[in-house]
Structures are given as structure tokens and as C-alpha cells.
Amino acid sequence: MMHTAVGWHVEMEFMEDDQHTRAAAMVRLPDGTEVRGHGHATRHHTDSYQPRVGEEIAGARALNELAAQMLNKAHSEIDAASGRTSHPINV
């Protein structure tokens, strides 16, 4: 039997102009930590204007950075709890 212990909510914000999309992702963890990631996308001048595509690219890059930071956080917590240096956690 599985039990859900916690839930996480990720917040995403986008800032856009005609050529650039910037994304900021943030998650608040149950320990009170806020982890943030940022992403960027640039539209090539020959591409049609499709804001949703820029949001998807910039958002994915922000979430990727967020994931890397959370893996590093978990790695540090494993080391602190075990008193030794463990192998890095990779995606």
C-alpha cells in the first residue's frame, strides 16, 4: 500500500518580448527551502512568432536547472546524514 506523504507545487513565470522568452521556476519544499531555476529561449528571426513554443523551451530549461539543483541538494543531504562523501546523483 502506498501513501502520499507530501505534495510539491512548482510555480512558473514567463517574461517575453518579440524575440526572447525567459522563464523562472520555483518550488517550495516541505523543509522550507525554495529552489529556483531559470531558462531562456530566443526566436530565430526567420521563425514565425509562436509564444507558446518559446515558453515550452524556456520553461523546460528552467525546470532542468531546478532538477539539477534538487539533485545536488539531495546529494548534500545524503552526505550530511551518512558522514561520508557519496557518489554524485546523475539524471
C-alpha atoms as a PDB file:
ATOM      1  CA  MET A   1       0.000   0.000   0.000  1.00  0.00           C
ATOM      2  CA  MET A   2       1.379   3.437  -0.959  1.00  0.00           C
ATOM      3  CA  HIS A   3       0.820   6.617   0.999  1.00  0.00           C
ATOM      4  CA  THR A   4       1.340  10.145  -0.270  1.00  0.00           C
ATOM      5  CA  ALA A   5       3.500  11.954   2.260  1.00  0.00           C
ATOM      6  CA  VAL A   6       3.850  15.345   0.603  1.00  0.00           C
ATOM      7  CA  GLY A   7       2.955  17.293  -2.499  1.00  0.00           C
ATOM      8  CA  TRP A   8       5.037  19.879  -4.319  1.00  0.00           C
ATOM      9  CA  HIS A   9       3.791  22.802  -6.338  1.00  0.00           C
ATOM     10  CA  VAL A  10       6.071  24.348  -8.935  1.00  0.00           C
ATOM     11  CA  GLU A  11       5.481  27.980  -9.874  1.00  0.00           C
ATOM     12  CA  MET A  12       6.461  29.178 -13.352  1.00  0.00           C
ATOM     13  CA  GLU A  13       6.669  32.762 -14.569  1.00  0.00           C
ATOM     14  CA  PHE A  14       7.430  33.915 -18.089  1.00  0.00           C
ATOM     15  CA  MET A  15       8.695  37.230 -19.439  1.00  0.00           C
ATOM     16  CA  GLU A  16       8.528  37.677 -23.201  1.00  0.00           C
ATOM     17  CA  ASP A  17       9.208  40.106 -25.993  1.00  0.00           C
ATOM     18  CA  ASP A  18       9.178  39.535 -29.763  1.00  0.00           C
ATOM     19  CA  GLN A  19      12.492  37.619 -29.783  1.00  0.00           C
ATOM     20  CA  HIS A  20      13.129  36.324 -26.250  1.00  0.00           C
ATOM     21  CA  THR A  21      11.364  34.288 -23.600  1.00  0.00           C
ATOM     22  CA  ARG A  22      12.659  33.999 -20.064  1.00  0.00           C
ATOM     23  CA  ALA A  23      11.269  31.528 -17.542  1.00  0.00           C
ATOM     24  CA  ALA A  24      11.644  31.304 -13.788  1.00  0.00           C
ATOM     25  CA  ALA A  25      10.656  28.147 -11.909  1.00  0.00           C
ATOM     26  CA  MET A  26      10.386  27.839  -8.141  1.00  0.00           C
ATOM     27  CA  VAL A  27       9.410  25.021  -5.797  1.00  0.00           C
ATOM     28  CA  ARG A  28       8.956  25.256  -2.020  1.00  0.00           C
ATOM     29  CA  LEU A  29       9.979  22.046  -0.301  1.00  0.00           C
ATOM     30  CA  PRO A  30       8.492  20.755   2.953  1.00  0.00           C
ATOM     31  CA  ASP A  31      11.710  21.706   4.808  1.00  0.00           C
ATOM     32  CA  GLY A  32      11.058  25.378   3.902  1.00  0.00           C
ATOM     33  CA  THR A  33      13.718  25.506   1.189  1.00  0.00           C
ATOM     34  CA  GLU A  34      12.909  27.377  -2.013  1.00  0.00           C
ATOM     35  CA  VAL A  35      14.730  26.088  -5.088  1.00  0.00           C
ATOM     36  CA  ARG A  36      14.766  28.265  -8.214  1.00  0.00           C
ATOM     37  CA  GLY A  37      15.747  27.665 -11.812  1.00  0.00           C
ATOM     38  CA  HIS A  38      15.888  29.928 -14.847  1.00  0.00           C
ATOM     39  CA  GLY A  39      15.653  29.291 -18.569  1.00  0.00           C
ATOM     40  CA  HIS A  40      15.867  31.315 -21.771  1.00  0.00           C
ATOM     41  CA  ALA A  41      14.774  30.885 -25.381  1.00  0.00           C
ATOM     42  CA  THR A  42      15.499  33.081 -28.397  1.00  0.00           C
ATOM     43  CA  ARG A  43      13.381  33.064 -31.541  1.00  0.00           C
ATOM     44  CA  HIS A  44      15.341  33.000 -34.774  1.00  0.00           C
ATOM     45  CA  HIS A  45      14.347  35.960 -36.928  1.00  0.00           C
ATOM     46  CA  THR A  46      13.148  33.657 -39.729  1.00  0.00           C
ATOM     47  CA  ASP A  47      10.832  31.651 -37.431  1.00  0.00           C
ATOM     48  CA  SER A  48       7.171  32.572 -37.088  1.00  0.00           C
ATOM     49  CA  TYR A  49       6.053  34.193 -33.838  1.00  0.00           C
ATOM     50  CA  GLN A  50       4.834  31.352 -31.586  1.00  0.00           C
ATOM     51  CA  PRO A  51       4.986  32.444 -27.932  1.00  0.00           C
ATOM     52  CA  ARG A  52       3.911  29.018 -26.667  1.00  0.00           C
ATOM     53  CA  VAL A  53       6.976  27.368 -28.234  1.00  0.00           C
ATOM     54  CA  GLY A  54       9.302  29.873 -26.559  1.00  0.00           C
ATOM     55  CA  GLU A  55       7.556  29.238 -23.237  1.00  0.00           C
ATOM     56  CA  GLU A  56       7.970  25.486 -23.630  1.00  0.00           C
ATOM     57  CA  ILE A  57      11.683  25.760 -24.405  1.00  0.00           C
ATOM     58  CA  ALA A  58      12.470  28.356 -21.713  1.00  0.00           C
ATOM     59  CA  GLY A  59      10.245  26.534 -19.207  1.00  0.00           C
ATOM     60  CA  ALA A  60      11.908  23.183 -19.871  1.00  0.00           C
ATOM     61  CA  ARG A  61      15.326  24.755 -19.406  1.00  0.00           C
ATOM     62  CA  ALA A  62      14.232  26.337 -16.118  1.00  0.00           C
ATOM     63  CA  LEU A  63      12.853  23.013 -14.879  1.00  0.00           C
ATOM     64  CA  ASN A  64      16.063  21.271 -15.951  1.00  0.00           C
ATOM     65  CA  GLU A  65      18.099  23.720 -13.865  1.00  0.00           C
ATOM     66  CA  LEU A  66      15.672  23.243 -10.965  1.00  0.00           C
ATOM     67  CA  ALA A  67      16.095  19.459 -11.214  1.00  0.00           C
ATOM     68  CA  ALA A  68      19.906  19.734 -11.172  1.00  0.00           C
ATOM     69  CA  GLN A  69      19.797  21.909  -8.063  1.00  0.00           C
ATOM     70  CA  MET A  70      17.441  19.483  -6.305  1.00  0.00           C
ATOM     71  CA  LEU A  71      19.743  16.556  -7.134  1.00  0.00           C
ATOM     72  CA  ASN A  72      22.679  18.496  -5.656  1.00  0.00           C
ATOM     73  CA  LYS A  73      20.620  19.306  -2.552  1.00  0.00           C
ATOM     74  CA  ALA A  74      19.695  15.630  -2.100  1.00  0.00           C
ATOM     75  CA  HIS A  75      23.320  14.606  -2.596  1.00  0.00           C
ATOM     76  CA  SER A  76      24.455  17.050   0.097  1.00  0.00           C
ATOM     77  CA  GLU A  77      21.776  15.771   2.491  1.00  0.00           C
ATOM     78  CA  ILE A  78      22.847  12.162   1.908  1.00  0.00           C
ATOM     79  CA  ASP A  79      26.457  13.118   2.683  1.00  0.00           C
ATOM     80  CA  ALA A  80      25.464  15.060   5.796  1.00  0.00           C
ATOM     81  CA  ALA A  81      23.340  12.203   7.145  1.00  0.00           C
ATOM     82  CA  SER A  82      25.885   9.482   6.377  1.00  0.00           C
ATOM     83  CA  GLY A  83      29.021  11.396   7.381  1.00  0.00           C
ATOM     84  CA  ARG A  84      30.785  10.433   4.178  1.00  0.00           C
ATOM     85  CA  THR A  85      31.101  11.588   0.575  1.00  0.00           C
ATOM     86  CA  SER A  86      28.795   9.633  -1.679  1.00  0.00           C
ATOM     87  CA  HIS A  87      28.786   9.254  -5.441  1.00  0.00           C
ATOM     88  CA  PRO A  88      27.114  12.138  -7.288  1.00  0.00           C
ATOM     89  CA  ILE A  89      23.482  11.644  -8.266  1.00  0.00           C
ATOM     90  CA  ASN A  90      23.027  11.916 -12.030  1.00  0.00           C
ATOM     91  CA  VAL A  91      19.947  12.208 -14.166  1.00  0.00           C
END
